[in-house]
C-alpha atoms as a PDB file:
ATOM      1  CA  MET A   1      99.731 105.055  98.342  1.00  0.00           C
ATOM      2  CA  ARG A   2     103.057 106.527  99.391  1.00  0.00           C
ATOM      3  CA  LEU A   3     105.937 104.697  97.822  1.00  0.00           C
ATOM      4  CA  GLY A   4     108.877 106.110  99.821  1.00  0.00           C
ATOM      5  CA  ARG A   5     109.725 102.891 101.687  1.00  0.00           C
ATOM      6  CA  SER A   6     108.154 100.708  99.072  1.00  0.00           C
ATOM      7  CA  VAL A   7     110.680 101.174  96.262  1.00  0.00           C
ATOM      8  CA  LYS A   8     113.841  99.093  96.046  1.00  0.00           C
ATOM      9  CA  SER A   9     116.340  98.353  93.316  1.00  0.00           C
ATOM     10  CA  ILE A  10     116.605  94.995  91.639  1.00  0.00           C
ATOM     11  CA  THR A  11     120.059  94.669  93.213  1.00  0.00           C
ATOM     12  CA  TYR A  12     118.467  95.021  96.648  1.00  0.00           C
ATOM     13  CA  LEU A  13     115.931  92.343  95.711  1.00  0.00           C
ATOM     14  CA  LYS A  14     118.702  89.994  94.582  1.00  0.00           C
ATOM     15  CA  THR A  15     120.638  90.343  97.829  1.00  0.00           C
ATOM     16  CA  HIS A  16     117.668  90.467 100.232  1.00  0.00           C
ATOM     17  CA  THR A  17     115.061  88.219  98.592  1.00  0.00           C
ATOM     18  CA  ALA A  18     114.062  86.332 101.748  1.00  0.00           C
ATOM     19  CA  ASP A  19     113.714  89.595 103.705  1.00  0.00           C
ATOM     20  CA  VAL A  20     111.644  91.189 100.936  1.00  0.00           C
ATOM     21  CA  VAL A  21     109.293  88.201 100.749  1.00  0.00           C
ATOM     22  CA  ARG A  22     108.891  88.124 104.531  1.00  0.00           C
ATOM     23  CA  ASP A  23     108.264  91.882 104.789  1.00  0.00           C
ATOM     24  CA  VAL A  24     105.752  91.921 101.940  1.00  0.00           C
ATOM     25  CA  ALA A  25     103.905  88.929 103.414  1.00  0.00           C
ATOM     26  CA  GLU A  26     103.829  90.451 106.912  1.00  0.00           C
ATOM     27  CA  ASP A  27     102.726  94.003 106.173  1.00  0.00           C
ATOM     28  CA  GLY A  28     100.812  93.442 102.929  1.00  0.00           C
ATOM     29  CA  ARG A  29     102.449  96.464 101.307  1.00  0.00           C
ATOM     30  CA  PRO A  30     103.507  95.939  97.681  1.00  0.00           C
ATOM     31  CA  LEU A  31     107.122  96.682  96.814  1.00  0.00           C
ATOM     32  CA  VAL A  32     108.072  98.406  93.567  1.00  0.00           C
ATOM     33  CA  ILE A  33     111.295  97.085  92.055  1.00  0.00           C
ATOM     34  CA  THR A  34     113.398  99.390  89.907  1.00  0.00           C
ATOM     35  CA  GLN A  35     115.942  98.579  87.242  1.00  0.00           C
ATOM     36  CA  ASN A  36     118.204 101.284  85.863  1.00  0.00           C
ATOM     37  CA  GLY A  37     116.220 103.822  87.902  1.00  0.00           C
ATOM     38  CA  GLU A  38     112.829 102.945  86.434  1.00  0.00           C
ATOM     39  CA  ALA A  39     109.993 100.921  87.936  1.00  0.00           C
ATOM     40  CA  CYS A  40     109.917  97.489  86.299  1.00  0.00           C
ATOM     41  CA  ALA A  41     108.051  95.116  88.644  1.00  0.00           C
ATOM     42  CA  VAL A  42     105.892  94.884  91.755  1.00  0.00           C
ATOM     43  CA  VAL A  43     106.239  92.276  94.493  1.00  0.00           C
ATOM     44  CA  MET A  44     103.117  91.683  96.555  1.00  0.00           C
ATOM     45  CA  ASP A  45     101.724  89.070  98.927  1.00  0.00           C
ATOM     46  CA  VAL A  46      99.176  86.566  97.692  1.00  0.00           C
ATOM     47  CA  ALA A  47      96.263  88.029  99.696  1.00  0.00           C
ATOM     48  CA  THR A  48      96.848  91.482  98.187  1.00  0.00           C
ATOM     49  CA  PHE A  49      97.163  89.958  94.723  1.00  0.00           C
ATOM     50  CA  ASP A  50      93.876  88.067  95.192  1.00  0.00           C
ATOM     51  CA  ARG A  51      92.083  91.257  96.312  1.00  0.00           C
ATOM     52  CA  TRP A  52      93.552  93.123  93.333  1.00  0.00           C
ATOM     53  CA  ARG A  53      92.363  90.449  90.895  1.00  0.00           C
ATOM     54  CA  GLU A  54      88.858  90.457  92.412  1.00  0.00           C
ATOM     55  CA  ALA A  55      88.714  94.249  92.144  1.00  0.00           C
ATOM     56  CA  MET A  56      89.842  94.138  88.513  1.00  0.00           C
ATOM     57  CA  THR A  57      87.211  91.489  87.746  1.00  0.00           C
ATOM     58  CA  LEU A  58      84.480  93.664  89.286  1.00  0.00           C
ATOM     59  CA  LEU A  59      85.683  96.704  87.339  1.00  0.00           C
ATOM     60  CA  LYS A  60      85.644  94.689  84.110  1.00  0.00           C
ATOM     61  CA  LEU A  61      82.082  93.515  84.816  1.00  0.00           C
ATOM     62  CA  LEU A  62      81.036  97.086  85.560  1.00  0.00           C
ATOM     63  CA  SER A  63      82.605  98.305  82.319  1.00  0.00           C
ATOM     64  CA  LEU A  64      80.888  95.571  80.310  1.00  0.00           C
ATOM     65  CA  SER A  65      77.569  96.342  82.021  1.00  0.00           C
ATOM     66  CA  GLU A  66      77.876 100.036  81.207  1.00  0.00           C
ATOM     67  CA  ALA A  67      78.615  99.201  77.569  1.00  0.00           C
ATOM     68  CA  GLU A  68      75.577  96.903  77.401  1.00  0.00           C
ATOM     69  CA  ALA A  69      73.341  99.574  78.944  1.00  0.00           C
ATOM     70  CA  SER A  70      74.699 102.254  76.585  1.00  0.00           C
ATOM     71  CA  ALA A  71      73.908  99.980  73.637  1.00  0.00           C
ATOM     72  CA  GLY A  72      70.347  99.586  74.888  1.00  0.00           C
ATOM     73  CA  ARG A  73      70.730  95.912  75.748  1.00  0.00           C
ATOM     74  CA  THR A  74      68.839  95.982  79.031  1.00  0.00           C
ATOM     75  CA  ALA A  75      66.082  93.976  80.656  1.00  0.00           C
ATOM     76  CA  THR A  76      63.692  94.536  83.514  1.00  0.00           C
ATOM     77  CA  ASP A  77      64.295  92.613  86.709  1.00  0.00           C
ATOM     78  CA  ASP A  78      61.309  90.364  85.905  1.00  0.00           C
ATOM     79  CA  GLU A  79      62.776  89.539  82.481  1.00  0.00           C
ATOM     80  CA  ALA A  80      66.218  88.866  83.952  1.00  0.00           C
ATOM     81  CA  PHE A  81      64.846  86.542  86.642  1.00  0.00           C
ATOM     82  CA  ALA A  82      62.698  84.714  84.085  1.00  0.00           C
ATOM     83  CA  ARG A  83      65.751  84.163  81.858  1.00  0.00           C
ATOM     84  CA  ALA A  84      67.847  82.963  84.803  1.00  0.00           C
ATOM     85  CA  LEU A  85      65.088  80.583  85.899  1.00  0.00           C
ATOM     86  CA  ALA A  86      64.686  79.234  82.379  1.00  0.00           C
ATOM     87  CA  ALA A  87      68.455  78.707  82.078  1.00  0.00           C
ATOM     88  CA  ALA A  88      68.563  76.893  85.429  1.00  0.00           C
ATOM     89  CA  GLU A  89      65.686  74.631  84.439  1.00  0.00           C
ATOM     90  CA  ALA A  90      67.377  73.821  81.128  1.00  0.00           C
ATOM     91  CA  GLU A  91      70.435  72.430  82.928  1.00  0.00           C
END
């Protein structure tokens, strides 16, 4: 992602908050906020935030799955389905 247009100072945010919120909501591009010349926050629209959270959740599940497989804690598809069926019946 190119950040050229997407970086603004905290002073800009303070004086143009409504414009920043509108622009971020309309174009879906996150805005990096700087303070004393360093990035300190990101402003993004809710839809982008939701997609980001879903992606992070999937990456976490993938990481956990890889760790389980590396530790040898695996099951065949038949075993997994049998366990899921047994769990559903127990409810």
